[in-house]
N, C-alpha and C. Protein backbone atom coordinates (compact mmCIF):
# COMPACT_ATOMS: atom_id res chain seq x y z
N MET A 1 53.38 13.22 -5.26
CA MET A 1 52.06 13.16 -5.89
C MET A 1 51.64 11.73 -6.11
N LYS A 2 52.59 10.89 -6.52
CA LYS A 2 52.16 9.46 -6.82
C LYS A 2 51.70 8.74 -5.55
N TYR A 3 52.27 9.16 -4.37
CA TYR A 3 51.90 8.52 -3.11
C TYR A 3 50.42 9.05 -2.71
N LEU A 4 50.09 10.23 -3.05
CA LEU A 4 48.75 10.77 -2.79
C LEU A 4 47.79 10.00 -3.69
N ILE A 5 48.11 9.86 -4.96
CA ILE A 5 47.21 9.12 -5.86
C ILE A 5 47.03 7.72 -5.41
N THR A 6 48.13 7.06 -5.04
CA THR A 6 48.05 5.66 -4.48
C THR A 6 47.16 5.59 -3.25
N LEU A 7 47.27 6.59 -2.34
CA LEU A 7 46.52 6.61 -1.17
C LEU A 7 44.96 6.75 -1.47
N LEU A 8 44.71 7.72 -2.38
CA LEU A 8 43.32 7.88 -2.79
C LEU A 8 42.69 6.68 -3.51
N LEU A 9 43.52 6.09 -4.32
CA LEU A 9 42.96 4.89 -4.98
C LEU A 9 42.81 3.73 -3.99
N GLY A 10 43.63 3.68 -3.01
CA GLY A 10 43.48 2.65 -1.99
C GLY A 10 42.25 2.88 -1.14
N LEU A 11 42.00 4.13 -0.81
CA LEU A 11 40.81 4.47 -0.05
C LEU A 11 39.54 4.18 -0.83
N ALA A 12 39.57 4.52 -2.18
CA ALA A 12 38.40 4.25 -3.03
C ALA A 12 38.08 2.75 -3.14
N VAL A 13 39.16 1.96 -3.31
CA VAL A 13 39.02 0.53 -3.44
C VAL A 13 38.51 -0.06 -2.07
N GLY A 14 39.00 0.48 -0.96
CA GLY A 14 38.58 0.01 0.31
C GLY A 14 37.14 0.29 0.58
N VAL A 15 36.73 1.45 0.24
CA VAL A 15 35.32 1.85 0.46
C VAL A 15 34.39 1.00 -0.38
N THR A 16 34.83 0.85 -1.64
CA THR A 16 34.01 -0.03 -2.56
C THR A 16 33.89 -1.48 -2.07
N MET A 17 35.02 -2.01 -1.61
CA MET A 17 34.96 -3.38 -1.07
C MET A 17 34.14 -3.48 0.16
N ALA A 18 34.21 -2.50 1.02
CA ALA A 18 33.46 -2.51 2.27
C ALA A 18 31.93 -2.41 1.97
N ALA A 19 31.59 -1.53 1.03
CA ALA A 19 30.21 -1.35 0.65
C ALA A 19 29.67 -2.62 0.00
N GLY A 20 30.47 -3.24 -0.81
CA GLY A 20 30.11 -4.51 -1.45
C GLY A 20 29.89 -5.64 -0.40
N LEU A 21 30.80 -5.70 0.59
CA LEU A 21 30.70 -6.72 1.62
C LEU A 21 29.44 -6.52 2.41
N LEU A 22 29.17 -5.27 2.77
CA LEU A 22 27.99 -4.97 3.53
C LEU A 22 26.67 -5.37 2.73
N TYR A 23 26.71 -5.15 1.44
CA TYR A 23 25.50 -5.46 0.66
C TYR A 23 25.31 -6.97 0.53
N VAL A 24 26.42 -7.68 0.15
CA VAL A 24 26.33 -9.13 0.09
C VAL A 24 26.09 -9.70 1.45
N ASN A 25 26.86 -9.23 2.53
CA ASN A 25 26.61 -9.50 3.91
C ASN A 25 26.50 -11.00 4.18
N PRO A 26 27.56 -11.77 3.86
CA PRO A 26 27.44 -13.25 4.05
C PRO A 26 27.31 -13.69 5.48
N LEU A 27 27.68 -12.92 6.42
CA LEU A 27 27.56 -13.36 7.80
C LEU A 27 26.27 -12.96 8.47
N ALA A 28 25.47 -12.13 7.90
CA ALA A 28 24.20 -11.72 8.50
C ALA A 28 23.21 -12.94 8.50
N ILE A 29 22.46 -12.97 9.56
CA ILE A 29 21.48 -14.07 9.74
C ILE A 29 20.37 -13.84 8.76
N ASP A 30 19.71 -14.99 8.34
CA ASP A 30 18.52 -14.85 7.46
C ASP A 30 17.25 -14.52 8.26
N SER A 31 16.16 -14.42 7.49
CA SER A 31 14.89 -14.19 8.16
C SER A 31 14.52 -15.43 9.00
N GLY A 32 13.59 -15.23 9.88
CA GLY A 32 13.19 -16.27 10.79
C GLY A 32 12.22 -17.25 10.16
N GLN A 33 11.62 -18.12 11.01
CA GLN A 33 10.69 -19.12 10.58
C GLN A 33 9.35 -18.83 11.20
N VAL A 34 8.31 -18.92 10.46
CA VAL A 34 6.96 -18.70 10.91
C VAL A 34 6.54 -19.91 11.75
N LEU A 35 5.74 -19.67 12.72
CA LEU A 35 5.23 -20.72 13.59
C LEU A 35 4.45 -21.75 12.71
N ALA A 36 4.82 -23.00 12.88
CA ALA A 36 4.18 -24.01 12.09
C ALA A 36 2.75 -24.24 12.56
N GLU A 37 2.53 -24.20 13.77
CA GLU A 37 1.17 -24.36 14.39
C GLU A 37 0.79 -23.11 15.25
N ALA A 38 -0.38 -22.58 15.11
CA ALA A 38 -0.72 -21.40 15.85
C ALA A 38 -2.16 -21.60 16.37
N ASP A 39 -2.41 -21.08 17.62
CA ASP A 39 -3.76 -21.05 18.18
C ASP A 39 -4.59 -19.92 17.64
N ASP A 40 -3.99 -18.78 17.37
CA ASP A 40 -4.64 -17.59 16.86
C ASP A 40 -3.87 -17.02 15.71
N VAL A 41 -4.60 -16.65 14.68
CA VAL A 41 -3.89 -16.03 13.49
C VAL A 41 -4.73 -14.75 13.20
N PHE A 42 -4.02 -13.63 13.29
CA PHE A 42 -4.63 -12.35 13.02
C PHE A 42 -4.09 -11.68 11.74
N GLY A 43 -4.95 -11.36 10.87
CA GLY A 43 -4.54 -10.74 9.63
C GLY A 43 -4.60 -9.21 9.65
N PHE A 44 -3.68 -8.52 8.91
CA PHE A 44 -3.76 -7.10 8.79
C PHE A 44 -3.14 -6.69 7.46
N ASP A 45 -3.43 -5.41 7.14
CA ASP A 45 -3.06 -4.96 5.84
C ASP A 45 -1.61 -4.29 5.90
N SER A 46 -1.29 -3.67 4.78
CA SER A 46 0.08 -3.07 4.64
C SER A 46 0.35 -2.10 5.83
N PRO A 47 1.49 -2.24 6.46
CA PRO A 47 1.88 -1.30 7.53
C PRO A 47 2.00 0.16 7.02
N LEU A 48 2.20 0.29 5.69
CA LEU A 48 2.44 1.63 5.16
C LEU A 48 1.18 2.28 4.55
N THR A 49 0.20 1.50 4.19
CA THR A 49 -0.98 2.12 3.58
C THR A 49 -2.30 1.67 4.20
N GLY A 50 -2.31 0.58 4.95
CA GLY A 50 -3.53 0.02 5.47
C GLY A 50 -3.80 0.20 6.95
N GLU A 51 -2.82 0.75 7.68
CA GLU A 51 -3.03 0.91 9.12
C GLU A 51 -4.02 2.04 9.42
N LEU A 52 -4.61 2.03 10.62
CA LEU A 52 -5.47 3.07 11.05
C LEU A 52 -4.73 4.30 11.18
N ALA A 53 -3.49 4.23 11.69
CA ALA A 53 -2.64 5.38 11.80
C ALA A 53 -1.16 4.96 11.78
N PHE A 54 -0.36 5.77 11.20
CA PHE A 54 1.12 5.48 11.25
C PHE A 54 1.89 6.77 11.36
N ALA A 55 2.87 6.76 12.25
CA ALA A 55 3.66 7.96 12.47
C ALA A 55 5.15 7.60 12.48
N SER A 56 5.96 8.34 11.70
CA SER A 56 7.41 8.16 11.65
C SER A 56 8.09 9.51 11.83
N ASP A 57 9.40 9.52 11.59
CA ASP A 57 10.15 10.77 11.78
C ASP A 57 9.87 11.74 10.64
N GLY A 58 9.28 11.25 9.56
CA GLY A 58 9.05 12.22 8.43
C GLY A 58 10.21 12.42 7.51
N LEU A 59 11.39 11.84 7.82
CA LEU A 59 12.63 12.12 7.06
C LEU A 59 12.87 11.00 6.03
N SER A 60 12.06 9.95 6.04
CA SER A 60 12.28 8.88 5.14
C SER A 60 11.06 8.73 4.24
N ARG A 61 11.07 7.67 3.39
CA ARG A 61 9.92 7.38 2.53
C ARG A 61 8.71 6.93 3.31
N LEU A 62 8.89 6.53 4.59
CA LEU A 62 7.86 6.01 5.40
C LEU A 62 7.09 7.21 6.02
N THR A 63 6.21 7.80 5.24
CA THR A 63 5.49 9.00 5.66
C THR A 63 4.34 8.69 6.65
N SER A 64 4.07 9.64 7.50
CA SER A 64 2.98 9.43 8.46
C SER A 64 1.67 9.58 7.77
N HIS A 65 0.65 8.85 8.25
CA HIS A 65 -0.72 8.97 7.67
C HIS A 65 -1.71 8.57 8.74
N PRO A 66 -2.97 8.94 8.66
CA PRO A 66 -3.55 9.79 7.57
C PRO A 66 -3.05 11.25 7.70
N SER A 67 -3.56 12.03 6.79
CA SER A 67 -3.17 13.47 6.77
C SER A 67 -3.48 14.10 8.14
N GLY A 68 -2.46 14.81 8.68
CA GLY A 68 -2.61 15.52 9.94
C GLY A 68 -1.95 14.84 11.08
N VAL A 69 -1.58 13.53 10.94
CA VAL A 69 -0.79 12.87 11.94
C VAL A 69 0.60 13.47 12.08
N PRO A 70 0.97 13.95 13.17
CA PRO A 70 2.25 14.63 13.31
C PRO A 70 3.43 13.65 13.25
N ASP A 71 4.57 14.13 12.71
CA ASP A 71 5.81 13.35 12.61
C ASP A 71 6.40 13.18 14.03
N LEU A 72 7.22 12.22 14.21
CA LEU A 72 7.90 12.05 15.48
C LEU A 72 9.22 12.85 15.45
N TRP A 73 9.26 13.90 16.26
CA TRP A 73 10.44 14.72 16.21
C TRP A 73 11.16 14.80 17.59
N GLU A 74 10.59 14.28 18.70
CA GLU A 74 11.20 14.30 19.96
C GLU A 74 12.41 13.40 19.96
N THR A 75 13.44 13.81 20.64
CA THR A 75 14.74 13.08 20.60
C THR A 75 14.59 11.67 20.99
N ALA A 76 13.76 11.40 22.04
CA ALA A 76 13.67 10.04 22.58
C ALA A 76 13.02 9.07 21.67
N ILE A 77 12.18 9.57 20.74
CA ILE A 77 11.43 8.64 19.86
C ILE A 77 11.57 8.95 18.40
N VAL A 78 12.55 9.78 18.01
CA VAL A 78 12.63 10.23 16.65
C VAL A 78 12.99 9.08 15.73
N LYS A 79 13.63 8.02 16.22
CA LYS A 79 13.97 6.87 15.34
C LYS A 79 12.94 5.78 15.38
N SER A 80 11.83 5.99 16.09
CA SER A 80 10.76 5.04 16.20
C SER A 80 9.66 5.25 15.16
N ALA A 81 8.81 4.27 15.13
CA ALA A 81 7.56 4.36 14.29
C ALA A 81 6.39 3.87 15.12
N LEU A 82 5.27 4.56 15.12
CA LEU A 82 4.11 4.17 15.87
C LEU A 82 3.05 3.77 14.92
N SER A 83 2.39 2.70 15.21
CA SER A 83 1.31 2.16 14.38
C SER A 83 0.04 1.81 15.17
N VAL A 84 -1.09 1.97 14.54
CA VAL A 84 -2.36 1.44 15.07
C VAL A 84 -2.98 0.59 13.97
N ILE A 85 -3.12 -0.67 14.23
CA ILE A 85 -3.45 -1.69 13.24
C ILE A 85 -4.80 -2.35 13.53
N ALA A 86 -5.55 -2.50 12.50
CA ALA A 86 -6.85 -3.23 12.61
C ALA A 86 -6.57 -4.73 12.34
N LEU A 87 -6.94 -5.58 13.31
CA LEU A 87 -6.76 -6.99 13.17
C LEU A 87 -8.00 -7.68 12.68
N LYS A 88 -7.83 -8.73 11.80
CA LYS A 88 -8.98 -9.46 11.26
C LYS A 88 -8.77 -10.95 11.52
N ASP A 89 -9.93 -11.65 11.52
CA ASP A 89 -9.87 -13.11 11.63
C ASP A 89 -9.66 -13.69 10.21
N SER A 90 -9.73 -15.05 10.11
CA SER A 90 -9.41 -15.69 8.86
C SER A 90 -10.47 -15.38 7.79
N THR A 91 -11.65 -14.92 8.18
CA THR A 91 -12.65 -14.58 7.18
C THR A 91 -12.64 -13.09 6.81
N GLY A 92 -11.71 -12.33 7.37
CA GLY A 92 -11.65 -10.84 7.10
C GLY A 92 -12.48 -9.99 8.02
N VAL A 93 -13.06 -10.61 9.00
CA VAL A 93 -13.93 -9.81 9.95
C VAL A 93 -13.06 -9.16 10.99
N PRO A 94 -13.19 -7.89 11.24
CA PRO A 94 -12.38 -7.20 12.28
C PRO A 94 -12.68 -7.78 13.64
N VAL A 95 -11.59 -8.07 14.43
CA VAL A 95 -11.78 -8.67 15.76
C VAL A 95 -11.04 -7.87 16.81
N GLY A 96 -10.20 -6.91 16.44
CA GLY A 96 -9.46 -6.18 17.47
C GLY A 96 -8.58 -5.09 16.85
N VAL A 97 -7.83 -4.51 17.72
CA VAL A 97 -6.91 -3.41 17.37
C VAL A 97 -5.58 -3.66 18.04
N ALA A 98 -4.50 -3.40 17.42
CA ALA A 98 -3.16 -3.50 17.97
C ALA A 98 -2.42 -2.15 17.85
N SER A 99 -1.74 -1.77 18.89
CA SER A 99 -0.89 -0.64 18.76
C SER A 99 0.61 -1.19 18.83
N ARG A 100 1.45 -0.60 18.01
CA ARG A 100 2.80 -1.16 17.86
C ARG A 100 3.85 -0.07 17.81
N VAL A 101 4.90 -0.20 18.60
CA VAL A 101 6.02 0.76 18.59
C VAL A 101 7.18 -0.01 18.02
N SER A 102 7.76 0.48 16.97
CA SER A 102 8.94 -0.12 16.30
C SER A 102 10.14 0.84 16.45
N TYR A 103 11.34 0.23 16.77
CA TYR A 103 12.50 1.06 16.95
C TYR A 103 13.73 0.15 16.68
N PRO A 104 14.86 0.75 16.30
CA PRO A 104 16.08 -0.02 15.99
C PRO A 104 16.57 -0.77 17.21
N ALA A 105 17.02 -1.98 17.02
CA ALA A 105 17.55 -2.79 18.11
C ALA A 105 18.97 -2.33 18.39
N GLU A 106 19.33 -2.33 19.63
CA GLU A 106 20.75 -1.90 20.00
C GLU A 106 21.75 -2.98 19.53
N THR A 107 21.29 -4.20 19.27
CA THR A 107 22.20 -5.23 18.80
C THR A 107 22.42 -5.27 17.34
N THR A 108 21.82 -4.28 16.67
CA THR A 108 22.02 -4.26 15.14
C THR A 108 23.44 -3.99 14.78
N GLU A 109 23.97 -4.95 13.96
CA GLU A 109 25.35 -4.83 13.42
C GLU A 109 25.22 -5.27 12.01
N LEU A 110 25.20 -4.37 11.04
CA LEU A 110 24.89 -4.69 9.66
C LEU A 110 25.73 -5.88 9.09
N LEU A 111 27.04 -5.90 9.46
CA LEU A 111 27.92 -6.95 8.90
C LEU A 111 27.55 -8.33 9.46
N THR A 112 27.16 -8.43 10.71
CA THR A 112 27.00 -9.75 11.36
C THR A 112 25.53 -10.11 11.71
N THR A 113 24.75 -9.17 11.77
CA THR A 113 23.32 -9.51 12.17
C THR A 113 22.27 -9.07 11.24
N GLY A 114 22.49 -7.97 10.51
CA GLY A 114 21.49 -7.47 9.62
C GLY A 114 20.83 -6.22 10.20
N VAL A 115 19.63 -5.92 9.69
CA VAL A 115 18.94 -4.70 10.18
C VAL A 115 17.85 -5.16 11.09
N LEU A 116 18.05 -5.01 12.38
CA LEU A 116 17.10 -5.53 13.38
C LEU A 116 16.23 -4.42 13.99
N LEU A 117 14.99 -4.72 14.07
CA LEU A 117 14.02 -3.81 14.70
C LEU A 117 13.28 -4.53 15.80
N ASN A 118 13.11 -3.76 16.92
CA ASN A 118 12.34 -4.26 18.01
C ASN A 118 10.84 -3.78 17.81
N ASP A 119 9.92 -4.59 18.08
CA ASP A 119 8.45 -4.27 18.01
C ASP A 119 7.79 -4.63 19.33
N ASP A 120 7.15 -3.60 19.99
CA ASP A 120 6.36 -3.82 21.16
C ASP A 120 4.89 -3.67 20.83
N TRP A 121 4.10 -4.73 20.89
CA TRP A 121 2.76 -4.69 20.58
C TRP A 121 1.83 -4.76 21.80
N LEU A 122 0.68 -4.08 21.71
CA LEU A 122 -0.42 -4.28 22.64
C LEU A 122 -1.62 -4.67 21.82
N VAL A 123 -2.03 -5.95 21.92
CA VAL A 123 -3.14 -6.43 21.16
C VAL A 123 -4.43 -6.45 21.98
N SER A 124 -5.42 -5.77 21.49
CA SER A 124 -6.67 -5.64 22.24
C SER A 124 -7.85 -6.26 21.47
N LEU A 125 -8.44 -7.32 22.09
CA LEU A 125 -9.60 -8.01 21.46
C LEU A 125 -10.79 -7.80 22.36
N PRO A 126 -11.78 -6.96 21.98
CA PRO A 126 -12.92 -6.63 22.84
C PRO A 126 -13.61 -7.80 23.38
N ASP A 127 -13.72 -8.88 22.67
CA ASP A 127 -14.45 -10.08 23.18
C ASP A 127 -13.72 -11.02 24.00
N SER A 128 -12.34 -10.79 24.12
CA SER A 128 -11.47 -11.77 24.76
C SER A 128 -10.60 -11.17 25.83
N GLY A 129 -9.92 -10.03 25.58
CA GLY A 129 -8.95 -9.41 26.47
C GLY A 129 -7.82 -8.84 25.68
N SER A 130 -6.66 -8.76 26.30
CA SER A 130 -5.50 -8.14 25.69
C SER A 130 -4.25 -8.90 26.08
N PHE A 131 -3.19 -8.74 25.23
CA PHE A 131 -1.90 -9.31 25.55
C PHE A 131 -0.79 -8.48 24.87
N PHE A 132 0.38 -8.64 25.40
CA PHE A 132 1.56 -7.98 24.86
C PHE A 132 2.39 -8.89 23.99
N VAL A 133 3.02 -8.37 22.95
CA VAL A 133 3.97 -9.15 22.12
C VAL A 133 5.25 -8.36 22.07
N THR A 134 6.40 -9.03 22.44
CA THR A 134 7.68 -8.40 22.44
C THR A 134 8.46 -9.16 21.33
N SER A 135 8.80 -8.43 20.28
CA SER A 135 9.30 -9.08 19.06
C SER A 135 10.60 -8.38 18.56
N GLN A 136 11.43 -9.20 17.93
CA GLN A 136 12.56 -8.63 17.23
C GLN A 136 12.61 -9.25 15.78
N ALA A 137 12.77 -8.39 14.83
CA ALA A 137 12.76 -8.85 13.39
C ALA A 137 13.98 -8.38 12.65
N ASN A 138 14.35 -9.20 11.68
CA ASN A 138 15.52 -8.89 10.85
C ASN A 138 14.97 -8.55 9.49
N TRP A 139 15.05 -7.29 9.04
CA TRP A 139 14.55 -6.86 7.76
C TRP A 139 15.62 -6.78 6.69
N TRP A 140 16.88 -7.13 7.00
CA TRP A 140 17.89 -6.99 6.01
C TRP A 140 17.66 -7.86 4.74
N PRO A 141 17.26 -9.12 4.85
CA PRO A 141 16.98 -9.89 3.59
C PRO A 141 16.01 -9.14 2.69
N PHE A 142 14.92 -8.57 3.16
CA PHE A 142 13.95 -7.96 2.35
C PHE A 142 14.51 -6.66 1.77
N LEU A 143 15.27 -5.91 2.60
CA LEU A 143 15.91 -4.68 2.10
C LEU A 143 16.87 -4.98 1.03
N LYS A 144 17.67 -6.02 1.15
CA LYS A 144 18.70 -6.37 0.13
C LYS A 144 18.11 -6.90 -1.07
N GLU A 145 17.07 -7.76 -0.99
CA GLU A 145 16.54 -8.43 -2.12
C GLU A 145 15.47 -7.62 -2.87
N THR A 146 14.80 -6.68 -2.24
CA THR A 146 13.68 -5.98 -2.83
C THR A 146 13.84 -4.48 -2.76
N VAL A 147 13.94 -3.97 -1.53
CA VAL A 147 13.85 -2.49 -1.37
C VAL A 147 15.05 -1.76 -2.04
N ILE A 148 16.29 -2.17 -1.72
CA ILE A 148 17.41 -1.48 -2.30
C ILE A 148 17.52 -1.62 -3.80
N PRO A 149 17.32 -2.82 -4.42
CA PRO A 149 17.31 -2.87 -5.88
C PRO A 149 16.32 -2.00 -6.58
N ILE A 150 15.07 -1.84 -5.99
CA ILE A 150 14.02 -1.11 -6.63
C ILE A 150 14.24 0.41 -6.36
N TRP A 151 14.41 0.82 -5.07
CA TRP A 151 14.56 2.20 -4.76
C TRP A 151 15.81 2.85 -5.21
N TYR A 152 16.95 2.14 -5.15
CA TYR A 152 18.23 2.79 -5.41
C TYR A 152 18.88 2.34 -6.72
N PHE A 153 18.46 1.19 -7.24
CA PHE A 153 19.10 0.70 -8.49
C PHE A 153 18.14 0.74 -9.69
N GLY A 154 16.89 1.16 -9.39
CA GLY A 154 15.87 1.29 -10.43
C GLY A 154 15.41 -0.01 -11.11
N GLN A 155 15.58 -1.11 -10.42
CA GLN A 155 15.16 -2.43 -10.93
C GLN A 155 13.64 -2.53 -10.84
N PRO A 156 12.98 -3.25 -11.74
CA PRO A 156 11.59 -3.41 -11.69
C PRO A 156 11.16 -4.37 -10.58
N TRP A 157 9.92 -4.20 -10.12
CA TRP A 157 9.33 -5.16 -9.17
C TRP A 157 9.21 -6.59 -9.78
N SER A 158 9.79 -7.51 -9.08
CA SER A 158 9.89 -8.82 -9.64
C SER A 158 8.68 -9.74 -9.35
N GLY A 159 7.74 -9.24 -8.54
CA GLY A 159 6.58 -10.00 -8.27
C GLY A 159 6.44 -10.26 -6.74
N SER A 160 5.44 -11.02 -6.41
CA SER A 160 5.10 -11.25 -5.03
C SER A 160 6.21 -12.00 -4.35
N SER A 161 6.42 -11.73 -3.03
CA SER A 161 7.39 -12.38 -2.19
C SER A 161 6.91 -12.61 -0.81
N ALA A 162 7.48 -13.58 -0.12
CA ALA A 162 7.08 -13.95 1.20
C ALA A 162 8.22 -13.57 2.15
N ILE A 163 7.78 -12.97 3.35
CA ILE A 163 8.78 -12.50 4.33
C ILE A 163 8.36 -13.08 5.71
N ASP A 164 9.36 -13.68 6.41
CA ASP A 164 9.17 -14.07 7.73
C ASP A 164 10.28 -13.42 8.56
N PRO A 165 10.03 -12.24 9.03
CA PRO A 165 11.17 -11.47 9.69
C PRO A 165 11.43 -11.75 11.13
N THR A 166 10.57 -12.41 11.85
CA THR A 166 10.69 -12.60 13.28
C THR A 166 11.86 -13.56 13.63
N ILE A 167 12.74 -13.04 14.49
CA ILE A 167 13.88 -13.84 14.89
C ILE A 167 14.07 -13.96 16.49
N GLY A 168 13.16 -13.35 17.19
CA GLY A 168 13.39 -13.35 18.66
C GLY A 168 12.41 -12.35 19.33
N PRO A 169 12.66 -12.10 20.63
CA PRO A 169 13.87 -12.31 21.36
C PRO A 169 13.92 -13.70 22.11
N ASP A 170 12.94 -14.51 21.98
CA ASP A 170 12.93 -15.81 22.59
C ASP A 170 14.07 -16.65 21.96
N SER A 171 14.61 -17.61 22.74
CA SER A 171 15.72 -18.48 22.23
C SER A 171 15.22 -19.33 21.08
N SER A 172 13.97 -19.53 20.95
CA SER A 172 13.35 -20.32 19.85
C SER A 172 13.36 -19.57 18.54
N GLY A 173 13.65 -18.30 18.62
CA GLY A 173 13.58 -17.47 17.40
C GLY A 173 12.27 -16.82 17.15
N HIS A 174 11.40 -16.90 18.20
CA HIS A 174 10.06 -16.34 18.12
C HIS A 174 9.92 -15.13 19.03
N ALA A 175 8.84 -14.40 18.84
CA ALA A 175 8.48 -13.32 19.75
C ALA A 175 7.91 -13.87 21.08
N ILE A 176 7.87 -13.09 22.05
CA ILE A 176 7.34 -13.57 23.37
C ILE A 176 5.98 -12.85 23.63
N VAL A 177 4.99 -13.68 23.98
CA VAL A 177 3.65 -13.15 24.17
C VAL A 177 3.33 -13.33 25.67
N THR A 178 2.75 -12.22 26.27
CA THR A 178 2.45 -12.17 27.68
C THR A 178 1.05 -11.70 27.82
N GLY A 179 0.12 -12.50 28.42
CA GLY A 179 -1.26 -12.14 28.62
C GLY A 179 -1.38 -10.94 29.60
N ALA A 180 -2.36 -10.14 29.32
CA ALA A 180 -2.57 -8.96 30.16
C ALA A 180 -3.97 -8.88 30.85
N THR A 181 -4.98 -9.02 30.08
CA THR A 181 -6.34 -8.90 30.71
C THR A 181 -7.30 -10.03 30.11
N GLY A 182 -8.46 -10.13 30.71
CA GLY A 182 -9.48 -11.07 30.25
C GLY A 182 -9.04 -12.52 30.27
N GLU A 183 -9.34 -13.28 29.26
CA GLU A 183 -8.93 -14.64 29.24
C GLU A 183 -7.46 -14.90 29.09
N PHE A 184 -6.72 -13.89 28.84
CA PHE A 184 -5.27 -13.98 28.66
C PHE A 184 -4.44 -13.86 29.86
N VAL A 185 -5.09 -13.49 30.94
CA VAL A 185 -4.36 -13.29 32.22
C VAL A 185 -3.61 -14.52 32.65
N GLY A 186 -2.33 -14.35 32.96
CA GLY A 186 -1.51 -15.51 33.39
C GLY A 186 -1.08 -16.45 32.31
N ARG A 187 -1.30 -16.09 31.00
CA ARG A 187 -0.93 -16.95 29.94
C ARG A 187 0.33 -16.43 29.18
N PHE A 188 1.10 -17.36 28.67
CA PHE A 188 2.32 -16.95 27.94
C PHE A 188 2.34 -17.73 26.63
N GLY A 189 3.09 -17.23 25.69
CA GLY A 189 3.23 -17.93 24.43
C GLY A 189 4.26 -17.33 23.52
N ASN A 190 4.23 -17.76 22.30
CA ASN A 190 5.15 -17.20 21.25
C ASN A 190 4.37 -16.67 20.04
N ALA A 191 5.02 -15.93 19.24
CA ALA A 191 4.39 -15.33 18.08
C ALA A 191 5.37 -15.11 16.98
N THR A 192 4.96 -15.06 15.69
CA THR A 192 5.72 -14.66 14.58
C THR A 192 4.88 -13.88 13.63
N GLU A 193 5.57 -13.04 12.78
CA GLU A 193 4.88 -12.34 11.75
C GLU A 193 5.20 -12.98 10.44
N HIS A 194 4.23 -12.86 9.47
CA HIS A 194 4.39 -13.38 8.14
C HIS A 194 3.82 -12.31 7.12
N TYR A 195 4.53 -12.04 6.05
CA TYR A 195 4.09 -11.04 5.07
C TYR A 195 4.13 -11.66 3.65
N ASP A 196 3.06 -11.54 2.94
CA ASP A 196 3.03 -11.77 1.47
C ASP A 196 2.90 -10.50 0.72
N VAL A 197 3.97 -10.00 0.16
CA VAL A 197 4.02 -8.71 -0.54
C VAL A 197 3.44 -8.96 -1.90
N ARG A 198 2.36 -8.22 -2.28
CA ARG A 198 1.63 -8.39 -3.48
C ARG A 198 1.82 -7.27 -4.46
N GLU A 199 2.22 -6.06 -3.96
CA GLU A 199 2.51 -4.92 -4.84
C GLU A 199 3.51 -4.05 -4.07
N PHE A 200 4.55 -3.61 -4.85
CA PHE A 200 5.55 -2.76 -4.32
C PHE A 200 5.55 -1.44 -5.09
N ASP A 201 5.26 -0.35 -4.41
CA ASP A 201 5.19 0.95 -4.98
C ASP A 201 6.55 1.57 -4.93
N THR A 202 7.04 2.16 -6.01
CA THR A 202 8.34 2.73 -6.07
C THR A 202 8.55 3.93 -5.13
N GLN A 203 7.41 4.51 -4.66
CA GLN A 203 7.49 5.68 -3.75
C GLN A 203 7.33 5.27 -2.28
N VAL A 204 6.31 4.44 -1.99
CA VAL A 204 6.05 4.10 -0.56
C VAL A 204 6.46 2.72 -0.17
N GLY A 205 6.86 1.85 -1.11
CA GLY A 205 7.28 0.52 -0.75
C GLY A 205 6.12 -0.48 -0.86
N PRO A 206 6.00 -1.48 0.02
CA PRO A 206 4.93 -2.54 -0.09
C PRO A 206 3.61 -2.01 0.19
N SER A 207 2.88 -1.56 -0.87
CA SER A 207 1.63 -0.93 -0.71
C SER A 207 0.52 -1.88 -0.59
N GLN A 208 0.60 -3.13 -1.12
CA GLN A 208 -0.39 -4.11 -0.93
C GLN A 208 0.24 -5.45 -0.46
N LEU A 209 -0.26 -5.94 0.68
CA LEU A 209 0.27 -7.21 1.19
C LEU A 209 -0.76 -7.85 2.09
N ALA A 210 -0.58 -9.11 2.33
CA ALA A 210 -1.37 -9.84 3.35
C ALA A 210 -0.48 -10.19 4.45
N ALA A 211 -0.71 -9.69 5.64
CA ALA A 211 0.17 -9.92 6.80
C ALA A 211 -0.57 -10.75 7.91
N GLU A 212 0.22 -11.46 8.67
CA GLU A 212 -0.36 -12.31 9.70
C GLU A 212 0.57 -12.11 10.96
N LEU A 213 -0.13 -12.07 12.07
CA LEU A 213 0.45 -12.24 13.39
C LEU A 213 -0.04 -13.55 13.93
N ARG A 214 0.87 -14.53 14.00
CA ARG A 214 0.47 -15.89 14.48
C ARG A 214 0.92 -16.07 15.95
N VAL A 215 0.02 -16.50 16.79
CA VAL A 215 0.26 -16.76 18.16
C VAL A 215 -0.01 -18.13 18.60
N ALA A 216 0.96 -18.69 19.34
CA ALA A 216 0.85 -20.07 19.88
C ALA A 216 0.93 -20.00 21.40
N TRP A 217 -0.07 -20.39 22.12
CA TRP A 217 -0.08 -20.30 23.60
C TRP A 217 0.55 -21.54 24.20
N ARG A 218 1.35 -21.37 25.21
CA ARG A 218 1.90 -22.47 25.93
C ARG A 218 1.00 -22.95 27.03
N ASN A 219 1.07 -24.23 27.31
CA ASN A 219 0.31 -24.79 28.45
C ASN A 219 1.17 -24.80 29.74
N GLU A 220 0.83 -23.85 30.59
CA GLU A 220 1.67 -23.70 31.80
C GLU A 220 0.75 -23.64 33.01
């Protein structure tokens, strides 16, 4: 019996230590850096409450909206999230629409990399053209510092916070931008996302925020 008790205590201690290590996660990379200089800056509202449309698997707190938007249940896309986002200029005037597909990165390793998401954007600007953005973001710092303490430990919202999640896939740590139509044909560049979280709802998460997609075009 004493050996069984010792084994169970060892397993309990091991699980506790592993969970603690994952949460502290000293080896995981931090959030990325926002582009210091950008040719275009597009603002948008909260991905959870301000998008034109949002669809997820319906199994998490990230519920689909508006009412009537079906959840993603097909096997190939059940772990993805689909968004349609209204983009604004610096004065708040709508200038275009972006569609975005978000899905877990195959390179995600919680202990060494964090929680990585891939984002594929198609940005359409009626007066200019369209371009693609291929991005990878690390959301572990935000999950660890804000989401987990509030949602699972019952801690109060500590106030506004800034998030710069973009880490690649470009070697510079930025997203890759590829021109598609109009004035963007044949052009390439980099992009990053920046979020200022202004209100965190205990049910839906960051309900109010100011977000930016910053794009810098390369001279090629």
